[in-house]
C-alpha cells in the first residue's frame, strides 16, 4: 500500500511539473521580442531594473530589510522594463497590441486595447492574495513590463490598469520604481 501511495505522489509531482512547463514565459526578453516582431525593429531605448533575490540579499547584508524599501504591501520582488519603440516601425501611431500575448498558465485579470494604449495584467494567485503579477502596457511608442512577486493585494491589478490608461507606460514605470525608494 505504501508503494502505491509513493507512486501516486510521484505522478502528482510529475503532472504538476509538466503543467508548469506548459506555462507561458512572460518576462522582459519576451516583451522585447514581441516589440521587435510587431515593429520590425529593436527598441530605440531600453531601461531595465530588477530588485530580485540578489538585490534583496545585498540589502539584508547592509542591514536593510526589503519591507523597508518595497513600500507596496507584500511585495518581495520587482522587475521593471521600459522600451521606447521606433515610431517609424509603428502603424499610424497605433499602440502595440500586447493584449494578445500567450498567457497559458496565468489568470488574466485585465486585457484591453483602445486607440491610445493596450494593457495586459495576468496573475498567479495564492489563496486570497496574488503570488505573482505581470503587467504589460503599451502607449503610442512606449512599452512597460513589470513583474511583481510576493503576497500582493488583489486590488493591485485594477490600480495598475488605471495608471497605464490614464498616465501611460512611462509614468506607470516611474511609480513602480518610486514604490521601492528608501523614503517617500
N, C-alpha and C. Protein backbone atom coordinates (compact mmCIF):
# COMPACT_ATOMS: atom_id res chain seq x y z
N UNK A 1 0.82 -1.20 0.00
CA UNK A 1 0.00 0.00 0.00
C UNK A 1 0.86 1.26 0.00
N UNK A 2 1.95 1.23 0.79
CA UNK A 2 2.85 2.39 0.87
C UNK A 2 3.48 2.68 -0.48
N UNK A 3 3.88 1.63 -1.21
CA UNK A 3 4.49 1.80 -2.53
C UNK A 3 3.51 2.46 -3.50
N UNK A 4 2.23 2.09 -3.39
CA UNK A 4 1.21 2.68 -4.25
C UNK A 4 1.08 4.18 -3.99
N UNK A 5 1.09 4.58 -2.72
CA UNK A 5 0.99 6.00 -2.36
C UNK A 5 2.19 6.77 -2.86
N UNK A 6 3.36 6.17 -2.76
CA UNK A 6 4.57 6.84 -3.25
C UNK A 6 4.48 7.05 -4.76
N UNK A 7 4.00 6.04 -5.48
CA UNK A 7 3.85 6.18 -6.94
C UNK A 7 2.81 7.24 -7.29
N UNK A 8 1.73 7.30 -6.56
CA UNK A 8 0.71 8.33 -6.80
C UNK A 8 1.29 9.71 -6.53
N UNK A 9 2.03 9.86 -5.45
CA UNK A 9 2.66 11.15 -5.12
C UNK A 9 3.65 11.55 -6.20
N UNK A 10 4.45 10.60 -6.68
CA UNK A 10 5.42 10.88 -7.74
C UNK A 10 4.71 11.31 -9.02
N UNK A 11 3.61 10.64 -9.34
CA UNK A 11 2.83 11.01 -10.52
C UNK A 11 2.26 12.43 -10.39
N UNK A 12 1.78 12.77 -9.21
CA UNK A 12 1.25 14.12 -8.97
C UNK A 12 2.34 15.16 -9.15
N UNK A 13 3.54 14.89 -8.66
CA UNK A 13 4.66 15.83 -8.82
C UNK A 13 5.00 15.99 -10.29
N UNK A 14 5.06 14.89 -11.03
CA UNK A 14 5.36 14.96 -12.47
C UNK A 14 4.30 15.74 -13.23
N UNK A 15 3.03 15.51 -12.91
CA UNK A 15 1.96 16.24 -13.57
C UNK A 15 2.03 17.73 -13.24
N UNK A 16 2.32 18.06 -11.99
CA UNK A 16 2.47 19.46 -11.60
C UNK A 16 3.63 20.12 -12.31
N UNK A 17 4.75 19.43 -12.41
CA UNK A 17 5.92 19.98 -13.11
C UNK A 17 5.61 20.15 -14.59
N UNK A 18 4.87 19.19 -15.16
CA UNK A 18 4.50 19.32 -16.57
C UNK A 18 3.60 20.51 -16.82
N UNK A 19 2.69 20.76 -15.90
CA UNK A 19 1.79 21.92 -16.04
C UNK A 19 2.57 23.21 -15.98
N UNK A 20 3.56 23.29 -15.09
CA UNK A 20 4.39 24.50 -15.00
C UNK A 20 5.21 24.69 -16.26
N UNK A 21 5.68 23.59 -16.85
CA UNK A 21 6.49 23.69 -18.06
C UNK A 21 5.66 24.22 -19.23
N UNK A 22 4.34 24.03 -19.19
CA UNK A 22 3.46 24.49 -20.26
C UNK A 22 3.06 25.96 -20.09
N UNK A 23 3.37 26.55 -18.96
CA UNK A 23 3.01 27.94 -18.71
C UNK A 23 3.80 28.85 -19.64
N UNK A 24 3.14 29.88 -20.11
CA UNK A 24 3.78 30.85 -20.99
C UNK A 24 4.86 31.62 -20.22
N UNK A 25 5.93 31.92 -20.90
CA UNK A 25 7.02 32.70 -20.30
C UNK A 25 6.72 34.17 -20.55
N UNK A 26 6.52 34.91 -19.48
CA UNK A 26 6.27 36.35 -19.57
C UNK A 26 7.38 37.06 -18.82
N UNK A 27 8.38 37.53 -19.54
CA UNK A 27 9.48 38.25 -18.94
C UNK A 27 9.91 39.38 -19.87
N UNK A 28 10.89 40.16 -19.44
CA UNK A 28 11.32 41.33 -20.22
C UNK A 28 11.79 40.92 -21.61
N UNK A 29 12.50 39.81 -21.73
CA UNK A 29 13.00 39.37 -23.04
C UNK A 29 11.85 39.02 -23.98
N UNK A 30 10.80 38.38 -23.45
CA UNK A 30 9.64 38.03 -24.26
C UNK A 30 8.96 39.29 -24.79
N UNK A 31 8.84 40.30 -23.92
CA UNK A 31 8.18 41.55 -24.32
C UNK A 31 9.02 42.27 -25.37
N UNK A 32 10.34 42.30 -25.16
CA UNK A 32 11.25 42.93 -26.14
C UNK A 32 11.13 42.22 -27.49
N UNK A 33 11.10 40.89 -27.48
CA UNK A 33 10.96 40.11 -28.73
C UNK A 33 9.64 40.43 -29.42
N UNK A 34 8.57 40.58 -28.66
CA UNK A 34 7.27 40.91 -29.24
C UNK A 34 7.29 42.32 -29.84
N UNK A 35 7.95 43.24 -29.19
CA UNK A 35 8.11 44.60 -29.71
C UNK A 35 8.83 44.56 -31.07
N UNK A 36 9.90 43.79 -31.15
CA UNK A 36 10.64 43.65 -32.41
C UNK A 36 9.76 42.98 -33.46
N UNK A 37 9.00 41.96 -33.07
CA UNK A 37 8.12 41.26 -34.02
C UNK A 37 7.08 42.19 -34.61
N UNK A 38 6.48 43.04 -33.75
CA UNK A 38 5.41 43.92 -34.24
C UNK A 38 5.92 45.13 -35.01
N UNK A 39 7.12 45.61 -34.70
CA UNK A 39 7.62 46.83 -35.36
C UNK A 39 8.68 46.53 -36.42
N UNK A 40 9.30 45.35 -36.31
CA UNK A 40 10.37 45.02 -37.24
C UNK A 40 11.71 45.65 -36.87
N UNK A 41 11.78 46.29 -35.72
CA UNK A 41 13.00 46.98 -35.29
C UNK A 41 13.20 46.80 -33.79
N UNK A 42 14.47 46.84 -33.36
CA UNK A 42 14.71 46.79 -31.91
C UNK A 42 14.31 48.11 -31.26
N UNK A 43 14.12 48.12 -29.95
CA UNK A 43 13.77 49.37 -29.27
C UNK A 43 14.86 50.42 -29.45
N UNK A 44 14.44 51.69 -29.49
CA UNK A 44 15.37 52.80 -29.61
C UNK A 44 16.10 52.99 -28.28
N UNK A 45 15.37 52.80 -27.19
CA UNK A 45 15.92 53.00 -25.85
C UNK A 45 15.32 51.93 -24.94
N UNK A 46 16.14 51.44 -24.00
CA UNK A 46 15.68 50.41 -23.08
C UNK A 46 16.10 50.78 -21.66
N UNK A 47 15.21 50.49 -20.72
CA UNK A 47 15.50 50.65 -19.29
C UNK A 47 15.04 49.38 -18.62
N UNK A 48 15.93 48.70 -17.90
CA UNK A 48 15.55 47.51 -17.18
C UNK A 48 16.08 47.62 -15.76
N UNK A 49 15.24 47.23 -14.80
CA UNK A 49 15.58 47.35 -13.39
C UNK A 49 15.01 46.14 -12.67
N UNK A 50 15.82 45.49 -11.84
CA UNK A 50 15.38 44.28 -11.19
C UNK A 50 15.79 44.30 -9.72
N UNK A 51 14.82 44.22 -8.86
CA UNK A 51 15.08 44.10 -7.43
C UNK A 51 14.72 42.66 -7.06
N UNK A 52 15.59 41.75 -7.46
CA UNK A 52 15.35 40.33 -7.24
C UNK A 52 16.07 39.83 -6.01
N UNK A 53 16.31 38.53 -5.99
CA UNK A 53 16.90 37.86 -4.85
C UNK A 53 18.27 38.43 -4.50
N UNK A 54 19.14 38.64 -5.50
CA UNK A 54 20.49 39.14 -5.23
C UNK A 54 20.44 40.51 -4.57
N UNK A 55 19.60 41.39 -5.09
CA UNK A 55 19.49 42.73 -4.50
C UNK A 55 18.93 42.66 -3.09
N UNK A 56 17.96 41.78 -2.87
CA UNK A 56 17.39 41.66 -1.52
C UNK A 56 18.42 41.12 -0.53
N UNK A 57 19.22 40.16 -0.98
CA UNK A 57 20.27 39.62 -0.11
C UNK A 57 21.31 40.70 0.21
N UNK A 58 21.65 41.51 -0.78
CA UNK A 58 22.61 42.60 -0.55
C UNK A 58 22.03 43.60 0.45
N UNK A 59 20.75 43.92 0.32
CA UNK A 59 20.12 44.85 1.28
C UNK A 59 20.17 44.27 2.69
N UNK A 60 19.85 42.99 2.80
CA UNK A 60 19.86 42.34 4.10
C UNK A 60 21.27 42.39 4.71
N UNK A 61 22.30 42.17 3.88
CA UNK A 61 23.69 42.21 4.36
C UNK A 61 24.05 43.61 4.85
N UNK A 62 23.42 44.63 4.27
CA UNK A 62 23.67 46.01 4.68
C UNK A 62 22.78 46.43 5.84
N UNK A 63 21.94 45.51 6.32
CA UNK A 63 21.08 45.83 7.46
C UNK A 63 19.75 46.45 7.07
N UNK A 64 19.42 46.44 5.78
CA UNK A 64 18.15 47.00 5.31
C UNK A 64 17.20 45.85 5.04
N UNK A 65 16.01 45.92 5.59
CA UNK A 65 15.01 44.89 5.34
C UNK A 65 14.26 45.24 4.06
N UNK A 66 13.96 44.24 3.22
CA UNK A 66 13.22 44.51 1.98
C UNK A 66 11.91 45.25 2.23
N UNK A 67 11.22 44.95 3.33
CA UNK A 67 9.94 45.63 3.60
C UNK A 67 10.14 47.11 3.91
N UNK A 68 11.38 47.52 4.27
CA UNK A 68 11.65 48.95 4.48
C UNK A 68 11.81 49.68 3.15
N UNK A 69 12.12 48.94 2.10
CA UNK A 69 12.36 49.54 0.78
C UNK A 69 11.17 49.33 -0.14
N UNK A 70 10.58 48.15 -0.13
CA UNK A 70 9.46 47.84 -1.00
C UNK A 70 8.16 48.28 -0.33
N UNK A 71 7.70 49.46 -0.66
CA UNK A 71 6.54 50.03 0.03
C UNK A 71 5.20 49.53 -0.48
N UNK A 72 5.19 48.72 -1.52
CA UNK A 72 3.94 48.09 -1.93
C UNK A 72 3.75 46.91 -0.97
N UNK A 73 2.65 46.91 -0.25
CA UNK A 73 2.44 45.91 0.78
C UNK A 73 2.53 44.49 0.22
N UNK A 74 3.35 43.67 0.87
CA UNK A 74 3.50 42.27 0.49
C UNK A 74 4.48 42.02 -0.63
N UNK A 75 5.06 43.05 -1.22
CA UNK A 75 5.97 42.91 -2.36
C UNK A 75 7.33 42.42 -1.89
N UNK A 76 7.83 41.37 -2.52
CA UNK A 76 9.16 40.85 -2.19
C UNK A 76 10.12 40.92 -3.36
N UNK A 77 9.62 41.09 -4.57
CA UNK A 77 10.48 41.18 -5.74
C UNK A 77 9.82 42.01 -6.83
N UNK A 78 10.63 42.75 -7.57
CA UNK A 78 10.10 43.63 -8.62
C UNK A 78 11.08 43.68 -9.77
N UNK A 79 10.58 43.47 -10.97
CA UNK A 79 11.35 43.62 -12.20
C UNK A 79 10.57 44.58 -13.08
N UNK A 80 11.24 45.60 -13.60
CA UNK A 80 10.59 46.60 -14.43
C UNK A 80 11.44 46.84 -15.68
N UNK A 81 10.78 46.97 -16.82
CA UNK A 81 11.48 47.30 -18.06
C UNK A 81 10.62 48.30 -18.83
N UNK A 82 11.28 49.25 -19.48
CA UNK A 82 10.60 50.23 -20.33
C UNK A 82 11.33 50.25 -21.66
N UNK A 83 10.57 50.15 -22.73
CA UNK A 83 11.14 50.16 -24.08
C UNK A 83 10.51 51.28 -24.88
N UNK A 84 11.35 52.07 -25.56
CA UNK A 84 10.87 53.09 -26.50
C UNK A 84 10.96 52.50 -27.89
N UNK A 85 9.82 52.43 -28.57
CA UNK A 85 9.77 51.87 -29.92
C UNK A 85 10.14 52.94 -30.94
N UNK A 86 10.68 52.50 -32.05
CA UNK A 86 10.98 53.40 -33.16
C UNK A 86 9.65 53.75 -33.82
N UNK A 87 9.26 55.05 -33.80
CA UNK A 87 7.96 55.43 -34.37
C UNK A 87 7.80 55.02 -35.83
N UNK A 88 8.91 54.91 -36.56
CA UNK A 88 8.83 54.52 -37.97
C UNK A 88 8.32 53.09 -38.13
N UNK A 89 8.47 52.28 -37.10
CA UNK A 89 8.03 50.90 -37.18
C UNK A 89 6.58 50.70 -36.77
N UNK A 90 5.93 51.75 -36.29
CA UNK A 90 4.55 51.64 -35.83
C UNK A 90 3.57 52.08 -36.90
N UNK A 91 2.44 51.42 -36.96
CA UNK A 91 1.42 51.73 -37.95
C UNK A 91 0.57 52.90 -37.50
N UNK A 92 0.71 54.04 -38.13
CA UNK A 92 -0.12 55.23 -37.93
C UNK A 92 -0.34 55.59 -36.47
N UNK A 93 0.67 55.48 -35.64
CA UNK A 93 0.59 55.92 -34.25
C UNK A 93 -0.26 55.05 -33.34
N UNK A 94 -0.70 53.89 -33.84
CA UNK A 94 -1.49 52.99 -33.01
C UNK A 94 -0.59 52.32 -31.99
N UNK A 95 -1.11 51.99 -30.82
CA UNK A 95 -0.28 51.31 -29.82
C UNK A 95 0.00 49.88 -30.26
N UNK A 96 1.07 49.34 -29.75
CA UNK A 96 1.34 47.93 -29.98
C UNK A 96 0.23 47.12 -29.33
N UNK A 97 -0.07 45.97 -29.89
CA UNK A 97 -1.11 45.12 -29.31
C UNK A 97 -0.46 44.05 -28.47
N UNK A 98 -0.26 44.35 -27.20
CA UNK A 98 0.35 43.39 -26.29
C UNK A 98 -0.72 42.62 -25.51
N UNK A 99 -1.97 42.92 -25.80
CA UNK A 99 -3.05 42.23 -25.08
C UNK A 99 -3.23 40.80 -25.56
N UNK A 100 -2.58 40.44 -26.67
CA UNK A 100 -2.76 39.10 -27.23
C UNK A 100 -1.59 38.16 -26.94
N UNK A 101 -0.71 38.52 -26.02
CA UNK A 101 0.43 37.67 -25.68
C UNK A 101 -0.04 36.32 -25.14
N UNK A 102 0.77 35.31 -25.32
CA UNK A 102 0.48 33.97 -24.81
C UNK A 102 0.41 34.02 -23.28
N UNK A 103 -0.72 33.56 -22.72
CA UNK A 103 -0.93 33.65 -21.27
C UNK A 103 -1.19 32.29 -20.64
N UNK A 104 -0.81 31.22 -21.31
CA UNK A 104 -1.03 29.88 -20.74
C UNK A 104 -0.42 29.80 -19.34
N UNK A 105 -1.19 29.28 -18.38
CA UNK A 105 -0.70 29.11 -17.01
C UNK A 105 -0.89 30.35 -16.15
N UNK A 106 -1.45 31.42 -16.71
CA UNK A 106 -1.70 32.66 -15.98
C UNK A 106 -3.20 32.93 -15.98
N UNK A 107 -3.67 33.66 -14.98
CA UNK A 107 -5.06 34.09 -14.91
C UNK A 107 -5.12 35.54 -15.37
N UNK A 108 -5.88 35.81 -16.43
CA UNK A 108 -5.98 37.16 -16.97
C UNK A 108 -6.98 37.96 -16.15
N UNK A 109 -6.54 39.12 -15.63
CA UNK A 109 -7.45 39.97 -14.87
C UNK A 109 -7.72 41.28 -15.59
N UNK A 110 -6.84 41.70 -16.49
CA UNK A 110 -7.05 42.90 -17.30
C UNK A 110 -6.53 42.61 -18.70
N UNK A 111 -7.36 42.91 -19.69
CA UNK A 111 -6.93 42.78 -21.09
C UNK A 111 -7.74 43.79 -21.90
N UNK A 112 -7.06 44.79 -22.46
CA UNK A 112 -7.77 45.75 -23.27
C UNK A 112 -6.85 46.36 -24.32
N UNK A 113 -7.47 46.95 -25.32
CA UNK A 113 -6.75 47.72 -26.34
C UNK A 113 -7.71 48.77 -26.84
N UNK A 114 -7.25 50.03 -26.83
CA UNK A 114 -8.02 51.12 -27.39
C UNK A 114 -7.10 51.90 -28.33
N UNK A 115 -7.56 52.99 -28.94
CA UNK A 115 -6.70 53.70 -29.90
C UNK A 115 -5.44 54.32 -29.30
N UNK A 116 -5.40 54.51 -27.97
CA UNK A 116 -4.23 55.14 -27.35
C UNK A 116 -3.29 54.17 -26.66
N UNK A 117 -3.83 53.04 -26.17
CA UNK A 117 -2.98 52.15 -25.38
C UNK A 117 -3.54 50.73 -25.36
N UNK A 118 -2.70 49.82 -24.89
CA UNK A 118 -3.16 48.46 -24.64
C UNK A 118 -2.51 48.00 -23.36
N UNK A 119 -3.15 47.06 -22.69
CA UNK A 119 -2.59 46.55 -21.44
C UNK A 119 -3.04 45.13 -21.21
N UNK A 120 -2.19 44.44 -20.49
CA UNK A 120 -2.47 43.07 -20.08
C UNK A 120 -1.95 42.93 -18.66
N UNK A 121 -2.79 42.44 -17.77
CA UNK A 121 -2.37 42.13 -16.41
C UNK A 121 -2.79 40.70 -16.15
N UNK A 122 -1.80 39.88 -15.82
CA UNK A 122 -2.05 38.47 -15.51
C UNK A 122 -1.48 38.17 -14.14
N UNK A 123 -2.08 37.20 -13.47
CA UNK A 123 -1.65 36.87 -12.10
C UNK A 123 -1.56 35.37 -11.91
N UNK A 124 -0.82 35.02 -10.87
CA UNK A 124 -0.82 33.67 -10.32
C UNK A 124 -1.24 33.84 -8.87
N UNK A 125 -2.47 33.46 -8.55
CA UNK A 125 -2.97 33.67 -7.19
C UNK A 125 -2.38 32.69 -6.19
N UNK A 126 -2.50 33.09 -4.92
CA UNK A 126 -2.10 32.25 -3.79
C UNK A 126 -3.12 32.51 -2.69
N UNK A 127 -4.19 31.74 -2.69
CA UNK A 127 -5.27 31.97 -1.73
C UNK A 127 -5.96 33.29 -2.02
N UNK A 128 -6.09 34.12 -1.00
CA UNK A 128 -6.75 35.42 -1.14
C UNK A 128 -5.83 36.48 -1.73
N UNK A 129 -4.54 36.20 -1.79
CA UNK A 129 -3.55 37.16 -2.27
C UNK A 129 -3.07 36.78 -3.67
N UNK A 130 -2.25 37.64 -4.25
CA UNK A 130 -1.64 37.37 -5.54
C UNK A 130 -0.17 37.04 -5.30
N UNK A 131 0.29 35.90 -5.79
CA UNK A 131 1.68 35.46 -5.61
C UNK A 131 2.59 36.13 -6.63
N UNK A 132 2.10 36.28 -7.86
CA UNK A 132 2.90 36.87 -8.92
C UNK A 132 1.96 37.62 -9.86
N UNK A 133 2.39 38.81 -10.29
CA UNK A 133 1.59 39.64 -11.17
C UNK A 133 2.50 40.17 -12.27
N UNK A 134 2.03 40.11 -13.51
CA UNK A 134 2.76 40.68 -14.64
C UNK A 134 1.86 41.72 -15.30
N UNK A 135 2.43 42.91 -15.51
CA UNK A 135 1.76 43.99 -16.22
C UNK A 135 2.54 44.26 -17.49
N UNK A 136 1.83 44.35 -18.61
CA UNK A 136 2.43 44.79 -19.86
C UNK A 136 1.51 45.87 -20.40
N UNK A 137 2.05 47.07 -20.56
CA UNK A 137 1.26 48.19 -21.06
C UNK A 137 1.98 48.86 -22.22
N UNK A 138 1.22 49.29 -23.22
CA UNK A 138 1.82 49.95 -24.37
C UNK A 138 1.07 51.23 -24.69
N UNK A 139 1.83 52.28 -24.94
CA UNK A 139 1.28 53.53 -25.44
C UNK A 139 1.64 53.64 -26.91
N UNK A 140 1.66 54.86 -27.43
CA UNK A 140 1.95 55.04 -28.86
C UNK A 140 3.37 54.64 -29.24
N UNK A 141 4.35 54.86 -28.35
CA UNK A 141 5.71 54.43 -28.69
C UNK A 141 6.50 53.92 -27.50
N UNK A 142 5.81 53.59 -26.42
CA UNK A 142 6.49 53.04 -25.25
C UNK A 142 5.77 51.79 -24.75
N UNK A 143 6.59 50.88 -24.23
CA UNK A 143 6.05 49.65 -23.66
C UNK A 143 6.66 49.49 -22.27
N UNK A 144 5.81 49.19 -21.28
CA UNK A 144 6.29 48.92 -19.92
C UNK A 144 5.97 47.47 -19.59
N UNK A 145 6.94 46.83 -18.95
CA UNK A 145 6.77 45.48 -18.44
C UNK A 145 7.09 45.53 -16.95
N UNK A 146 6.26 44.89 -16.13
CA UNK A 146 6.56 44.81 -14.70
C UNK A 146 6.13 43.44 -14.19
N UNK A 147 7.02 42.83 -13.40
CA UNK A 147 6.70 41.59 -12.72
C UNK A 147 6.82 41.86 -11.22
N UNK A 148 5.74 41.63 -10.49
CA UNK A 148 5.73 41.83 -9.04
C UNK A 148 5.51 40.48 -8.39
N UNK A 149 6.28 40.20 -7.34
CA UNK A 149 6.17 38.94 -6.63
C UNK A 149 5.97 39.20 -5.15
N UNK A 150 5.30 38.28 -4.47
CA UNK A 150 5.10 38.39 -3.04
C UNK A 150 3.73 37.89 -2.65
N UNK A 151 3.14 38.53 -1.68
CA UNK A 151 1.76 38.27 -1.25
C UNK A 151 1.04 39.60 -1.44
N UNK A 152 0.53 39.82 -2.65
CA UNK A 152 0.04 41.12 -3.09
C UNK A 152 -1.47 41.26 -2.94
N UNK A 153 -1.90 42.49 -2.77
CA UNK A 153 -3.31 42.84 -2.63
C UNK A 153 -4.06 42.55 -3.93
N UNK A 154 -5.22 41.90 -3.87
CA UNK A 154 -6.00 41.62 -5.08
C UNK A 154 -6.47 42.88 -5.82
N UNK A 155 -6.44 44.06 -5.18
CA UNK A 155 -6.84 45.30 -5.83
C UNK A 155 -5.74 45.92 -6.68
N UNK A 156 -4.53 45.40 -6.59
CA UNK A 156 -3.39 45.97 -7.31
C UNK A 156 -3.56 45.94 -8.83
N UNK A 157 -4.07 44.87 -9.46
CA UNK A 157 -4.22 44.89 -10.91
C UNK A 157 -5.07 46.06 -11.43
N UNK A 158 -6.16 46.36 -10.74
CA UNK A 158 -7.02 47.47 -11.16
C UNK A 158 -6.29 48.81 -11.06
N UNK A 159 -5.48 48.97 -10.00
CA UNK A 159 -4.70 50.20 -9.85
C UNK A 159 -3.70 50.36 -10.99
N UNK A 160 -3.03 49.27 -11.36
CA UNK A 160 -2.05 49.32 -12.44
C UNK A 160 -2.72 49.59 -13.78
N UNK A 161 -3.88 48.97 -14.01
CA UNK A 161 -4.61 49.24 -15.25
C UNK A 161 -4.97 50.72 -15.35
N UNK A 162 -5.47 51.27 -14.26
CA UNK A 162 -5.85 52.68 -14.23
C UNK A 162 -4.65 53.57 -14.53
N UNK A 163 -3.49 53.23 -13.96
CA UNK A 163 -2.27 54.02 -14.18
C UNK A 163 -1.85 54.00 -15.64
N UNK A 164 -1.88 52.83 -16.27
CA UNK A 164 -1.49 52.73 -17.68
C UNK A 164 -2.47 53.49 -18.56
N UNK A 165 -3.76 53.34 -18.30
CA UNK A 165 -4.77 54.02 -19.13
C UNK A 165 -4.71 55.54 -19.00
N UNK A 166 -4.55 56.03 -17.78
CA UNK A 166 -4.64 57.48 -17.58
C UNK A 166 -3.31 58.20 -17.67
N UNK A 167 -2.22 57.53 -17.26
CA UNK A 167 -0.94 58.22 -17.21
C UNK A 167 0.08 57.71 -18.22
N UNK A 168 -0.14 56.52 -18.77
CA UNK A 168 0.77 55.98 -19.75
C UNK A 168 1.83 55.07 -19.16
N UNK A 169 2.52 54.33 -20.04
CA UNK A 169 3.50 53.35 -19.59
C UNK A 169 4.67 53.94 -18.80
N UNK A 170 5.25 55.06 -19.24
CA UNK A 170 6.42 55.59 -18.56
C UNK A 170 6.08 56.06 -17.15
N UNK A 171 4.95 56.74 -16.98
CA UNK A 171 4.55 57.20 -15.65
C UNK A 171 4.27 56.00 -14.74
N UNK A 172 3.72 54.92 -15.30
CA UNK A 172 3.47 53.72 -14.51
C UNK A 172 4.79 53.10 -14.07
N UNK A 173 5.75 53.04 -14.98
CA UNK A 173 7.09 52.54 -14.63
C UNK A 173 7.70 53.39 -13.52
N UNK A 174 7.61 54.72 -13.64
CA UNK A 174 8.16 55.61 -12.61
C UNK A 174 7.52 55.35 -11.26
N UNK A 175 6.21 55.16 -11.23
CA UNK A 175 5.52 54.91 -9.96
C UNK A 175 5.97 53.60 -9.33
N UNK A 176 6.16 52.57 -10.16
CA UNK A 176 6.62 51.29 -9.62
C UNK A 176 8.03 51.40 -9.06
N UNK A 177 8.91 52.10 -9.77
CA UNK A 177 10.28 52.26 -9.28
C UNK A 177 10.29 53.13 -8.02
N UNK A 178 9.48 54.20 -8.01
CA UNK A 178 9.39 55.05 -6.83
C UNK A 178 8.86 54.29 -5.62
N UNK A 179 8.04 53.28 -5.86
CA UNK A 179 7.48 52.49 -4.76
C UNK A 179 8.55 51.70 -4.04
N UNK A 180 9.76 51.69 -4.58
CA UNK A 180 10.87 50.97 -3.93
C UNK A 180 11.92 51.91 -3.39
N UNK A 181 11.64 53.21 -3.40
CA UNK A 181 12.61 54.19 -2.90
C UNK A 181 12.71 54.08 -1.39
N UNK A 182 13.86 54.49 -0.84
CA UNK A 182 14.05 54.42 0.61
C UNK A 182 13.09 55.31 1.37
N UNK A 183 12.84 56.49 0.86
CA UNK A 183 11.94 57.44 1.53
C UNK A 183 10.90 57.91 0.53
N UNK A 184 9.69 58.23 0.98
CA UNK A 184 8.67 58.73 0.06
C UNK A 184 9.09 60.05 -0.57
